[in-house]
């Protein structure tokens, strides 16, 4: 009986140990021969773009965030200032855009040809408008920020302190 109890004890310990190893491998992303979290980050679309100069906007013009800090999977195009979803999933987008001193700034975040959310600033001094939204996207959906139609002569302020930024990343597939 003692040998049988010891055998059961070893099986239980091995089972717990195997479970622990399995959980650790899942956390590292290597349970099926993967290379861990370092490799997976390259396959998660994420970007942060910014401006470091003033941009004058005409009606319906796209805001040009023409510098990049991050752009995994090259999903953000600096020439068009458009993010294109490389895979379906739930994405988070945020932006902070500063107006010129004492000027009104009326911007909209768009998905393809659909207005999603707006930002409006007005008053004395520099003001910042913000966007913060979670969207369920299909592969190929395009996200961008543009000036509200009928509002010419707006200016986005930025300088070497990078006051105007636009970011997005995949939250879940």
N, C-alpha and C. Protein backbone atom coordinates (compact mmCIF):
# COMPACT_ATOMS: atom_id res chain seq x y z
N UNK A 1 0.82 -1.19 0.00
CA UNK A 1 0.00 0.00 0.00
C UNK A 1 0.87 1.25 0.00
N UNK A 2 1.97 1.23 0.70
CA UNK A 2 2.86 2.38 0.77
C UNK A 2 3.45 2.70 -0.61
N UNK A 3 3.80 1.68 -1.38
CA UNK A 3 4.35 1.89 -2.73
C UNK A 3 3.30 2.53 -3.62
N UNK A 4 2.06 2.08 -3.54
CA UNK A 4 0.97 2.62 -4.35
C UNK A 4 0.72 4.09 -3.99
N UNK A 5 0.71 4.43 -2.68
CA UNK A 5 0.50 5.82 -2.26
C UNK A 5 1.63 6.71 -2.77
N UNK A 6 2.87 6.22 -2.71
CA UNK A 6 4.02 6.99 -3.20
C UNK A 6 3.91 7.22 -4.71
N UNK A 7 3.44 6.19 -5.46
CA UNK A 7 3.27 6.30 -6.90
C UNK A 7 2.23 7.37 -7.23
N UNK A 8 1.11 7.37 -6.51
CA UNK A 8 0.05 8.37 -6.71
C UNK A 8 0.59 9.75 -6.39
N UNK A 9 1.38 9.87 -5.32
CA UNK A 9 1.96 11.15 -4.93
C UNK A 9 2.87 11.69 -6.03
N UNK A 10 3.69 10.84 -6.63
CA UNK A 10 4.59 11.25 -7.71
C UNK A 10 3.79 11.68 -8.92
N UNK A 11 2.73 10.94 -9.27
CA UNK A 11 1.89 11.32 -10.40
C UNK A 11 1.25 12.69 -10.18
N UNK A 12 0.77 12.92 -8.97
CA UNK A 12 0.13 14.20 -8.65
C UNK A 12 1.14 15.33 -8.75
N UNK A 13 2.34 15.13 -8.18
CA UNK A 13 3.38 16.15 -8.25
C UNK A 13 3.76 16.43 -9.70
N UNK A 14 3.92 15.38 -10.51
CA UNK A 14 4.27 15.56 -11.92
C UNK A 14 3.16 16.30 -12.66
N UNK A 15 1.92 15.97 -12.35
CA UNK A 15 0.80 16.62 -13.00
C UNK A 15 0.78 18.11 -12.67
N UNK A 16 0.99 18.45 -11.40
CA UNK A 16 1.04 19.86 -11.01
C UNK A 16 2.22 20.56 -11.66
N UNK A 17 3.36 19.87 -11.71
CA UNK A 17 4.55 20.44 -12.34
C UNK A 17 4.30 20.66 -13.83
N UNK A 18 3.69 19.67 -14.49
CA UNK A 18 3.37 19.80 -15.92
C UNK A 18 2.41 20.97 -16.16
N UNK A 19 1.42 21.11 -15.28
CA UNK A 19 0.49 22.24 -15.41
C UNK A 19 1.22 23.57 -15.26
N UNK A 20 2.12 23.65 -14.30
CA UNK A 20 2.88 24.88 -14.07
C UNK A 20 3.76 25.20 -15.28
N UNK A 21 4.44 24.21 -15.81
CA UNK A 21 5.28 24.41 -17.00
C UNK A 21 4.41 24.86 -18.17
N UNK A 22 3.25 24.24 -18.34
CA UNK A 22 2.34 24.61 -19.43
C UNK A 22 1.89 26.06 -19.32
N UNK A 23 1.56 26.50 -18.11
CA UNK A 23 1.15 27.90 -17.92
C UNK A 23 2.29 28.85 -18.23
N UNK A 24 3.49 28.50 -17.80
CA UNK A 24 4.64 29.37 -18.06
C UNK A 24 4.92 29.47 -19.57
N UNK A 25 4.82 28.36 -20.28
CA UNK A 25 5.05 28.39 -21.72
C UNK A 25 3.99 29.22 -22.44
N UNK A 26 2.75 29.13 -21.98
CA UNK A 26 1.70 29.96 -22.59
C UNK A 26 1.98 31.44 -22.37
N UNK A 27 2.40 31.79 -21.17
CA UNK A 27 2.72 33.18 -20.89
C UNK A 27 3.86 33.68 -21.77
N UNK A 28 4.84 32.83 -22.01
CA UNK A 28 5.97 33.22 -22.85
C UNK A 28 5.65 33.10 -24.33
N UNK A 29 4.57 32.41 -24.69
CA UNK A 29 4.22 32.26 -26.09
C UNK A 29 5.02 31.20 -26.81
N UNK A 30 5.56 30.23 -26.08
CA UNK A 30 6.42 29.23 -26.70
C UNK A 30 5.84 27.82 -26.63
N UNK A 31 4.58 27.67 -26.24
CA UNK A 31 4.05 26.34 -26.02
C UNK A 31 3.93 25.51 -27.30
N UNK A 32 3.86 26.15 -28.46
CA UNK A 32 3.76 25.41 -29.72
C UNK A 32 4.94 25.70 -30.63
N UNK A 33 6.11 25.88 -30.04
CA UNK A 33 7.32 26.12 -30.83
C UNK A 33 7.51 27.57 -31.22
N UNK A 34 6.72 28.49 -30.64
CA UNK A 34 6.88 29.91 -30.93
C UNK A 34 8.15 30.45 -30.31
N UNK A 35 8.42 31.70 -30.56
CA UNK A 35 9.64 32.31 -30.06
C UNK A 35 9.38 33.27 -28.91
N UNK A 36 8.22 33.23 -28.33
CA UNK A 36 7.96 34.07 -27.17
C UNK A 36 7.43 35.43 -27.53
N UNK A 37 7.27 36.25 -26.51
CA UNK A 37 6.64 37.55 -26.66
C UNK A 37 7.43 38.50 -27.55
N UNK A 38 8.75 38.37 -27.59
CA UNK A 38 9.56 39.26 -28.42
C UNK A 38 9.16 39.16 -29.88
N UNK A 39 8.94 37.98 -30.38
CA UNK A 39 8.54 37.79 -31.77
C UNK A 39 7.10 38.23 -31.98
N UNK A 40 6.23 37.94 -31.06
CA UNK A 40 4.82 38.27 -31.22
C UNK A 40 4.60 39.76 -31.32
N UNK A 41 5.37 40.58 -30.64
CA UNK A 41 5.19 42.02 -30.70
C UNK A 41 5.34 42.54 -32.12
N UNK A 42 6.15 41.88 -32.93
CA UNK A 42 6.33 42.29 -34.32
C UNK A 42 5.08 42.05 -35.14
N UNK A 43 4.18 41.23 -34.63
CA UNK A 43 2.96 40.86 -35.35
C UNK A 43 1.71 41.50 -34.75
N UNK A 44 1.88 42.51 -33.94
CA UNK A 44 0.76 43.26 -33.37
C UNK A 44 0.81 44.67 -33.95
N UNK A 45 -0.19 45.05 -34.76
CA UNK A 45 -0.17 46.39 -35.33
C UNK A 45 -0.27 47.46 -34.26
N UNK A 46 0.66 48.39 -34.29
CA UNK A 46 0.68 49.51 -33.34
C UNK A 46 1.45 50.66 -33.97
N UNK A 47 1.00 51.89 -33.71
CA UNK A 47 1.72 53.05 -34.24
C UNK A 47 1.54 54.24 -33.31
N UNK A 48 2.50 55.12 -33.32
CA UNK A 48 2.38 56.47 -32.78
C UNK A 48 3.06 57.39 -33.77
N UNK A 49 2.24 58.32 -34.29
CA UNK A 49 2.72 59.32 -35.24
C UNK A 49 2.55 60.69 -34.60
N UNK A 50 3.33 61.67 -35.07
CA UNK A 50 3.25 63.00 -34.48
C UNK A 50 3.62 64.06 -35.50
N UNK A 51 3.35 65.31 -35.13
CA UNK A 51 3.77 66.48 -35.91
C UNK A 51 4.74 67.27 -35.05
N UNK A 52 5.72 67.91 -35.70
CA UNK A 52 6.58 68.82 -34.95
C UNK A 52 6.64 70.19 -35.64
N UNK A 53 5.56 70.50 -36.39
CA UNK A 53 5.44 71.81 -37.04
C UNK A 53 3.96 72.15 -37.21
N UNK A 54 3.69 73.41 -37.53
CA UNK A 54 2.31 73.88 -37.75
C UNK A 54 1.79 73.30 -39.06
N UNK A 55 0.49 72.96 -39.08
CA UNK A 55 -0.17 72.56 -40.33
C UNK A 55 -1.41 73.41 -40.52
N UNK A 56 -1.51 74.08 -41.66
CA UNK A 56 -2.72 74.83 -42.03
C UNK A 56 -3.67 73.86 -42.71
N UNK A 57 -4.94 73.90 -42.28
CA UNK A 57 -5.93 72.95 -42.80
C UNK A 57 -7.00 73.65 -43.62
N UNK A 58 -7.30 73.10 -44.76
CA UNK A 58 -8.47 73.53 -45.51
C UNK A 58 -9.62 72.59 -45.14
N UNK A 59 -10.81 72.93 -45.57
CA UNK A 59 -11.99 72.12 -45.28
C UNK A 59 -11.78 70.67 -45.72
N UNK A 60 -12.05 69.72 -44.84
CA UNK A 60 -11.94 68.28 -45.08
C UNK A 60 -10.52 67.76 -45.26
N UNK A 61 -9.51 68.57 -45.01
CA UNK A 61 -8.12 68.11 -45.16
C UNK A 61 -7.77 67.10 -44.07
N UNK A 62 -6.98 66.10 -44.44
CA UNK A 62 -6.50 65.11 -43.47
C UNK A 62 -5.34 65.71 -42.69
N UNK A 63 -5.35 65.52 -41.38
CA UNK A 63 -4.25 65.98 -40.53
C UNK A 63 -3.03 65.12 -40.84
N UNK A 64 -1.91 65.77 -41.09
CA UNK A 64 -0.68 65.06 -41.45
C UNK A 64 0.20 64.85 -40.22
N UNK A 65 0.10 63.67 -39.66
CA UNK A 65 1.03 63.25 -38.62
C UNK A 65 2.17 62.58 -39.38
N UNK A 66 3.23 63.33 -39.65
CA UNK A 66 4.22 62.91 -40.64
C UNK A 66 5.53 62.38 -40.06
N UNK A 67 5.58 62.19 -38.77
CA UNK A 67 6.76 61.60 -38.12
C UNK A 67 6.30 60.39 -37.31
N UNK A 68 7.19 59.42 -37.14
CA UNK A 68 6.82 58.19 -36.44
C UNK A 68 7.76 57.88 -35.28
N UNK A 69 7.17 57.42 -34.19
CA UNK A 69 7.94 56.81 -33.11
C UNK A 69 7.83 55.29 -33.21
N UNK A 70 6.63 54.81 -33.53
CA UNK A 70 6.37 53.37 -33.59
C UNK A 70 5.50 53.09 -34.80
N UNK A 71 5.78 51.97 -35.49
CA UNK A 71 4.93 51.58 -36.62
C UNK A 71 5.15 50.11 -36.93
N UNK A 72 4.72 49.23 -36.01
CA UNK A 72 4.87 47.80 -36.26
C UNK A 72 3.92 47.39 -37.38
N UNK A 73 4.36 46.51 -38.20
CA UNK A 73 3.63 46.00 -39.36
C UNK A 73 3.40 47.07 -40.43
N UNK A 74 4.01 48.25 -40.26
CA UNK A 74 3.88 49.34 -41.25
C UNK A 74 2.43 49.62 -41.62
N UNK A 75 1.55 49.57 -40.64
CA UNK A 75 0.12 49.78 -40.90
C UNK A 75 -0.25 51.25 -41.02
N UNK A 76 0.62 52.14 -40.53
CA UNK A 76 0.38 53.59 -40.65
C UNK A 76 1.24 54.12 -41.79
N UNK A 77 0.61 54.85 -42.72
CA UNK A 77 1.31 55.41 -43.88
C UNK A 77 1.56 56.90 -43.63
N UNK A 78 2.83 57.29 -43.47
CA UNK A 78 3.14 58.70 -43.18
C UNK A 78 2.85 59.62 -44.36
N UNK A 79 2.82 59.10 -45.57
CA UNK A 79 2.54 59.96 -46.72
C UNK A 79 1.06 60.33 -46.81
N UNK A 80 0.18 59.43 -46.39
CA UNK A 80 -1.27 59.71 -46.43
C UNK A 80 -1.83 60.03 -45.05
N UNK A 81 -1.09 59.69 -43.99
CA UNK A 81 -1.53 59.82 -42.59
C UNK A 81 -2.77 58.98 -42.30
N UNK A 82 -2.80 57.79 -42.90
CA UNK A 82 -3.91 56.86 -42.74
C UNK A 82 -3.38 55.55 -42.16
N UNK A 83 -4.09 55.03 -41.13
CA UNK A 83 -3.82 53.70 -40.60
C UNK A 83 -4.75 52.73 -41.32
N UNK A 84 -4.19 51.63 -41.82
CA UNK A 84 -4.99 50.59 -42.48
C UNK A 84 -4.84 49.31 -41.68
N UNK A 85 -5.96 48.78 -41.18
CA UNK A 85 -5.94 47.58 -40.34
C UNK A 85 -5.42 46.39 -41.14
N UNK A 86 -4.28 45.81 -40.72
CA UNK A 86 -3.75 44.66 -41.44
C UNK A 86 -4.44 43.35 -41.09
N UNK A 87 -5.26 43.38 -40.04
CA UNK A 87 -6.00 42.18 -39.61
C UNK A 87 -7.26 42.64 -38.88
N UNK A 88 -8.29 41.80 -38.87
CA UNK A 88 -9.50 42.17 -38.12
C UNK A 88 -9.23 42.12 -36.63
N UNK A 89 -9.99 42.90 -35.88
CA UNK A 89 -9.85 42.88 -34.43
C UNK A 89 -10.34 44.16 -33.79
N UNK A 90 -10.18 44.21 -32.48
CA UNK A 90 -10.56 45.38 -31.70
C UNK A 90 -9.32 46.25 -31.51
N UNK A 91 -9.45 47.53 -31.86
CA UNK A 91 -8.33 48.46 -31.83
C UNK A 91 -8.65 49.66 -30.93
N UNK A 92 -7.62 50.20 -30.31
CA UNK A 92 -7.74 51.43 -29.54
C UNK A 92 -7.01 52.54 -30.29
N UNK A 93 -7.67 53.70 -30.43
CA UNK A 93 -7.07 54.86 -31.08
C UNK A 93 -7.18 56.06 -30.15
N UNK A 94 -6.14 56.87 -30.13
CA UNK A 94 -6.17 58.11 -29.36
C UNK A 94 -5.37 59.17 -30.10
N UNK A 95 -5.74 60.41 -29.86
CA UNK A 95 -5.01 61.52 -30.46
C UNK A 95 -5.12 62.73 -29.55
N UNK A 96 -4.09 63.54 -29.56
CA UNK A 96 -4.08 64.84 -28.91
C UNK A 96 -3.62 65.82 -29.97
N UNK A 97 -4.45 66.83 -30.24
CA UNK A 97 -4.12 67.79 -31.29
C UNK A 97 -4.26 69.20 -30.71
N UNK A 98 -3.21 70.00 -30.84
CA UNK A 98 -3.19 71.35 -30.25
C UNK A 98 -3.53 72.40 -31.30
N UNK A 99 -4.39 73.35 -30.89
CA UNK A 99 -4.75 74.46 -31.77
C UNK A 99 -3.73 75.59 -31.61
N UNK A 100 -3.69 76.46 -32.59
CA UNK A 100 -2.87 77.67 -32.47
C UNK A 100 -3.51 78.59 -31.43
N UNK A 101 -2.72 79.47 -30.89
CA UNK A 101 -3.14 80.40 -29.84
C UNK A 101 -4.41 81.16 -30.24
N UNK A 102 -5.50 80.94 -29.47
CA UNK A 102 -6.75 81.67 -29.67
C UNK A 102 -7.58 81.24 -30.86
N UNK A 103 -7.22 80.14 -31.50
CA UNK A 103 -7.93 79.69 -32.71
C UNK A 103 -8.83 78.50 -32.41
N UNK A 104 -9.89 78.39 -33.19
CA UNK A 104 -10.80 77.25 -33.13
C UNK A 104 -10.22 76.10 -33.94
N UNK A 105 -10.44 74.88 -33.45
CA UNK A 105 -10.00 73.69 -34.18
C UNK A 105 -11.10 72.64 -34.07
N UNK A 106 -11.64 72.21 -35.20
CA UNK A 106 -12.76 71.27 -35.26
C UNK A 106 -12.33 70.09 -36.12
N UNK A 107 -12.07 68.95 -35.48
CA UNK A 107 -11.55 67.77 -36.17
C UNK A 107 -12.47 66.57 -35.96
N UNK A 108 -12.37 65.61 -36.86
CA UNK A 108 -13.15 64.37 -36.78
C UNK A 108 -12.24 63.18 -37.05
N UNK A 109 -12.47 62.09 -36.30
CA UNK A 109 -11.80 60.83 -36.57
C UNK A 109 -12.74 60.01 -37.45
N UNK A 110 -12.22 59.46 -38.53
CA UNK A 110 -13.02 58.73 -39.51
C UNK A 110 -12.58 57.28 -39.60
N UNK A 111 -13.55 56.39 -39.86
CA UNK A 111 -13.29 55.01 -40.26
C UNK A 111 -13.84 54.88 -41.67
N UNK A 112 -12.96 54.63 -42.62
CA UNK A 112 -13.33 54.61 -44.03
C UNK A 112 -14.02 55.93 -44.36
N UNK A 113 -15.28 55.93 -44.72
CA UNK A 113 -15.99 57.17 -45.05
C UNK A 113 -17.05 57.51 -44.00
N UNK A 114 -16.87 57.03 -42.78
CA UNK A 114 -17.84 57.23 -41.71
C UNK A 114 -17.21 58.03 -40.57
N UNK A 115 -17.87 59.14 -40.20
CA UNK A 115 -17.41 59.93 -39.04
C UNK A 115 -17.65 59.11 -37.78
N UNK A 116 -16.64 59.04 -36.93
CA UNK A 116 -16.76 58.27 -35.69
C UNK A 116 -16.91 59.19 -34.49
N UNK A 117 -15.98 60.13 -34.32
CA UNK A 117 -15.99 60.99 -33.13
C UNK A 117 -15.35 62.32 -33.49
N UNK A 118 -15.78 63.38 -32.81
CA UNK A 118 -15.26 64.71 -33.09
C UNK A 118 -14.54 65.32 -31.89
N UNK A 119 -13.78 66.37 -32.20
CA UNK A 119 -13.07 67.13 -31.18
C UNK A 119 -13.16 68.61 -31.56
N UNK A 120 -13.50 69.44 -30.58
CA UNK A 120 -13.68 70.86 -30.85
C UNK A 120 -12.99 71.66 -29.76
N UNK A 121 -12.12 72.59 -30.17
CA UNK A 121 -11.46 73.47 -29.20
C UNK A 121 -11.69 74.91 -29.61
N UNK A 122 -11.81 75.77 -28.59
CA UNK A 122 -12.05 77.19 -28.84
C UNK A 122 -11.66 77.96 -27.59
N UNK A 123 -11.14 79.16 -27.77
CA UNK A 123 -10.83 79.99 -26.62
C UNK A 123 -9.44 80.58 -26.69
N UNK A 124 -9.10 81.32 -25.65
CA UNK A 124 -7.79 81.97 -25.58
C UNK A 124 -6.70 80.94 -25.31
N UNK A 125 -5.53 81.21 -25.84
CA UNK A 125 -4.38 80.34 -25.61
C UNK A 125 -4.43 79.11 -26.49
N UNK A 126 -3.42 78.28 -26.35
CA UNK A 126 -3.39 77.00 -27.06
C UNK A 126 -4.33 76.04 -26.35
N UNK A 127 -5.12 75.30 -27.10
CA UNK A 127 -6.04 74.31 -26.55
C UNK A 127 -5.74 72.96 -27.19
N UNK A 128 -6.04 71.89 -26.46
CA UNK A 128 -5.86 70.55 -27.04
C UNK A 128 -7.21 69.85 -27.14
N UNK A 129 -7.44 69.29 -28.31
CA UNK A 129 -8.59 68.42 -28.52
C UNK A 129 -8.09 66.99 -28.46
N UNK A 130 -8.94 66.10 -27.96
CA UNK A 130 -8.52 64.70 -27.81
C UNK A 130 -9.54 63.75 -28.41
N UNK A 131 -9.06 62.60 -28.80
CA UNK A 131 -9.88 61.48 -29.24
C UNK A 131 -9.43 60.27 -28.43
N UNK A 132 -10.37 59.41 -28.07
CA UNK A 132 -10.05 58.17 -27.38
C UNK A 132 -11.19 57.21 -27.66
N UNK A 133 -10.94 56.20 -28.49
CA UNK A 133 -12.03 55.34 -28.94
C UNK A 133 -11.52 53.92 -29.17
N UNK A 134 -12.40 52.95 -28.93
CA UNK A 134 -12.12 51.54 -29.23
C UNK A 134 -13.07 51.14 -30.35
N UNK A 135 -12.51 50.57 -31.42
CA UNK A 135 -13.30 50.20 -32.60
C UNK A 135 -13.02 48.77 -33.01
N UNK A 136 -14.07 48.09 -33.44
CA UNK A 136 -13.93 46.75 -34.00
C UNK A 136 -13.74 46.92 -35.51
N UNK A 137 -12.55 46.58 -36.02
CA UNK A 137 -12.22 46.82 -37.42
C UNK A 137 -12.14 45.53 -38.21
N UNK A 138 -12.41 45.66 -39.50
CA UNK A 138 -12.19 44.58 -40.45
C UNK A 138 -10.83 44.82 -41.11
N UNK A 139 -10.25 43.78 -41.65
CA UNK A 139 -9.00 43.94 -42.39
C UNK A 139 -9.24 44.94 -43.53
N UNK A 140 -8.34 45.91 -43.65
CA UNK A 140 -8.45 46.91 -44.70
C UNK A 140 -9.18 48.18 -44.30
N UNK A 141 -9.84 48.20 -43.13
CA UNK A 141 -10.48 49.44 -42.67
C UNK A 141 -9.42 50.52 -42.49
N UNK A 142 -9.78 51.76 -42.83
CA UNK A 142 -8.85 52.88 -42.77
C UNK A 142 -9.30 53.86 -41.69
N UNK A 143 -8.34 54.33 -40.88
CA UNK A 143 -8.60 55.29 -39.80
C UNK A 143 -7.73 56.52 -40.04
N UNK A 144 -8.35 57.71 -39.93
CA UNK A 144 -7.62 58.96 -40.13
C UNK A 144 -8.37 60.10 -39.45
N UNK A 145 -7.70 61.23 -39.32
CA UNK A 145 -8.28 62.43 -38.70
C UNK A 145 -8.29 63.53 -39.75
N UNK A 146 -9.44 64.21 -39.86
CA UNK A 146 -9.52 65.29 -40.83
C UNK A 146 -10.27 66.48 -40.25
N UNK A 147 -10.03 67.62 -40.88
CA UNK A 147 -10.70 68.87 -40.53
C UNK A 147 -12.18 68.75 -40.88
N UNK A 148 -13.05 69.28 -40.03
CA UNK A 148 -14.49 69.27 -40.30
C UNK A 148 -14.77 70.10 -41.55
N UNK A 149 -15.66 69.59 -42.39
CA UNK A 149 -16.03 70.29 -43.62
C UNK A 149 -16.61 71.67 -43.34
N UNK A 150 -16.30 72.63 -44.20
CA UNK A 150 -16.81 73.98 -44.06
C UNK A 150 -16.03 74.84 -43.08
N UNK A 151 -14.89 74.36 -42.63
CA UNK A 151 -14.08 75.09 -41.66
C UNK A 151 -12.66 75.29 -42.20
N UNK A 152 -12.50 76.21 -43.14
CA UNK A 152 -11.18 76.53 -43.68
C UNK A 152 -10.38 77.36 -42.68
N UNK A 153 -9.08 77.42 -42.90
CA UNK A 153 -8.22 78.33 -42.15
C UNK A 153 -7.90 77.90 -40.73
N UNK A 154 -8.07 76.64 -40.40
CA UNK A 154 -7.69 76.15 -39.08
C UNK A 154 -6.22 75.73 -39.12
N UNK A 155 -5.57 75.88 -37.98
CA UNK A 155 -4.16 75.50 -37.90
C UNK A 155 -3.92 74.59 -36.71
N UNK A 156 -3.16 73.54 -36.96
CA UNK A 156 -2.70 72.67 -35.88
C UNK A 156 -1.34 73.19 -35.45
N UNK A 157 -1.18 73.36 -34.14
CA UNK A 157 0.09 73.83 -33.62
C UNK A 157 0.91 72.64 -33.14
N UNK A 158 2.18 72.68 -33.46
CA UNK A 158 3.15 71.77 -32.87
C UNK A 158 4.53 72.34 -33.15
N UNK A 159 5.49 71.89 -32.38
CA UNK A 159 6.88 72.29 -32.58
C UNK A 159 7.76 71.14 -32.12
N UNK A 160 8.97 71.41 -31.78
CA UNK A 160 9.89 70.36 -31.35
C UNK A 160 9.47 69.63 -30.09
N UNK A 161 8.46 70.16 -29.38
CA UNK A 161 7.94 69.47 -28.20
C UNK A 161 6.84 68.47 -28.55
N UNK A 162 6.49 68.38 -29.83
CA UNK A 162 5.57 67.34 -30.34
C UNK A 162 4.21 67.34 -29.64
N UNK A 163 3.51 68.46 -29.69
CA UNK A 163 2.23 68.60 -29.00
C UNK A 163 1.08 67.84 -29.65
N UNK A 164 1.22 67.43 -30.90
CA UNK A 164 0.11 66.78 -31.61
C UNK A 164 0.51 65.36 -32.01
N UNK A 165 -0.22 64.37 -31.46
CA UNK A 165 0.11 62.95 -31.67
C UNK A 165 -1.14 62.15 -32.02
N UNK A 166 -0.92 61.01 -32.66
CA UNK A 166 -1.99 60.09 -33.06
C UNK A 166 -1.45 58.68 -32.88
N UNK A 167 -2.19 57.84 -32.13
CA UNK A 167 -1.74 56.47 -31.83
C UNK A 167 -2.87 55.47 -32.02
N UNK A 168 -2.49 54.24 -32.30
CA UNK A 168 -3.46 53.16 -32.38
C UNK A 168 -2.77 51.82 -32.25
N UNK A 169 -3.52 50.82 -31.75
CA UNK A 169 -2.94 49.49 -31.61
C UNK A 169 -4.04 48.46 -31.44
N UNK A 170 -3.72 47.23 -31.81
CA UNK A 170 -4.63 46.10 -31.68
C UNK A 170 -4.76 45.71 -30.21
N UNK A 171 -6.00 45.60 -29.75
CA UNK A 171 -6.25 45.15 -28.37
C UNK A 171 -6.48 43.64 -28.36
N UNK A 172 -7.34 43.17 -29.27
CA UNK A 172 -7.70 41.75 -29.30
C UNK A 172 -8.11 41.35 -30.71
N UNK A 173 -7.84 40.12 -31.05
CA UNK A 173 -8.26 39.59 -32.36
C UNK A 173 -9.67 39.10 -32.28
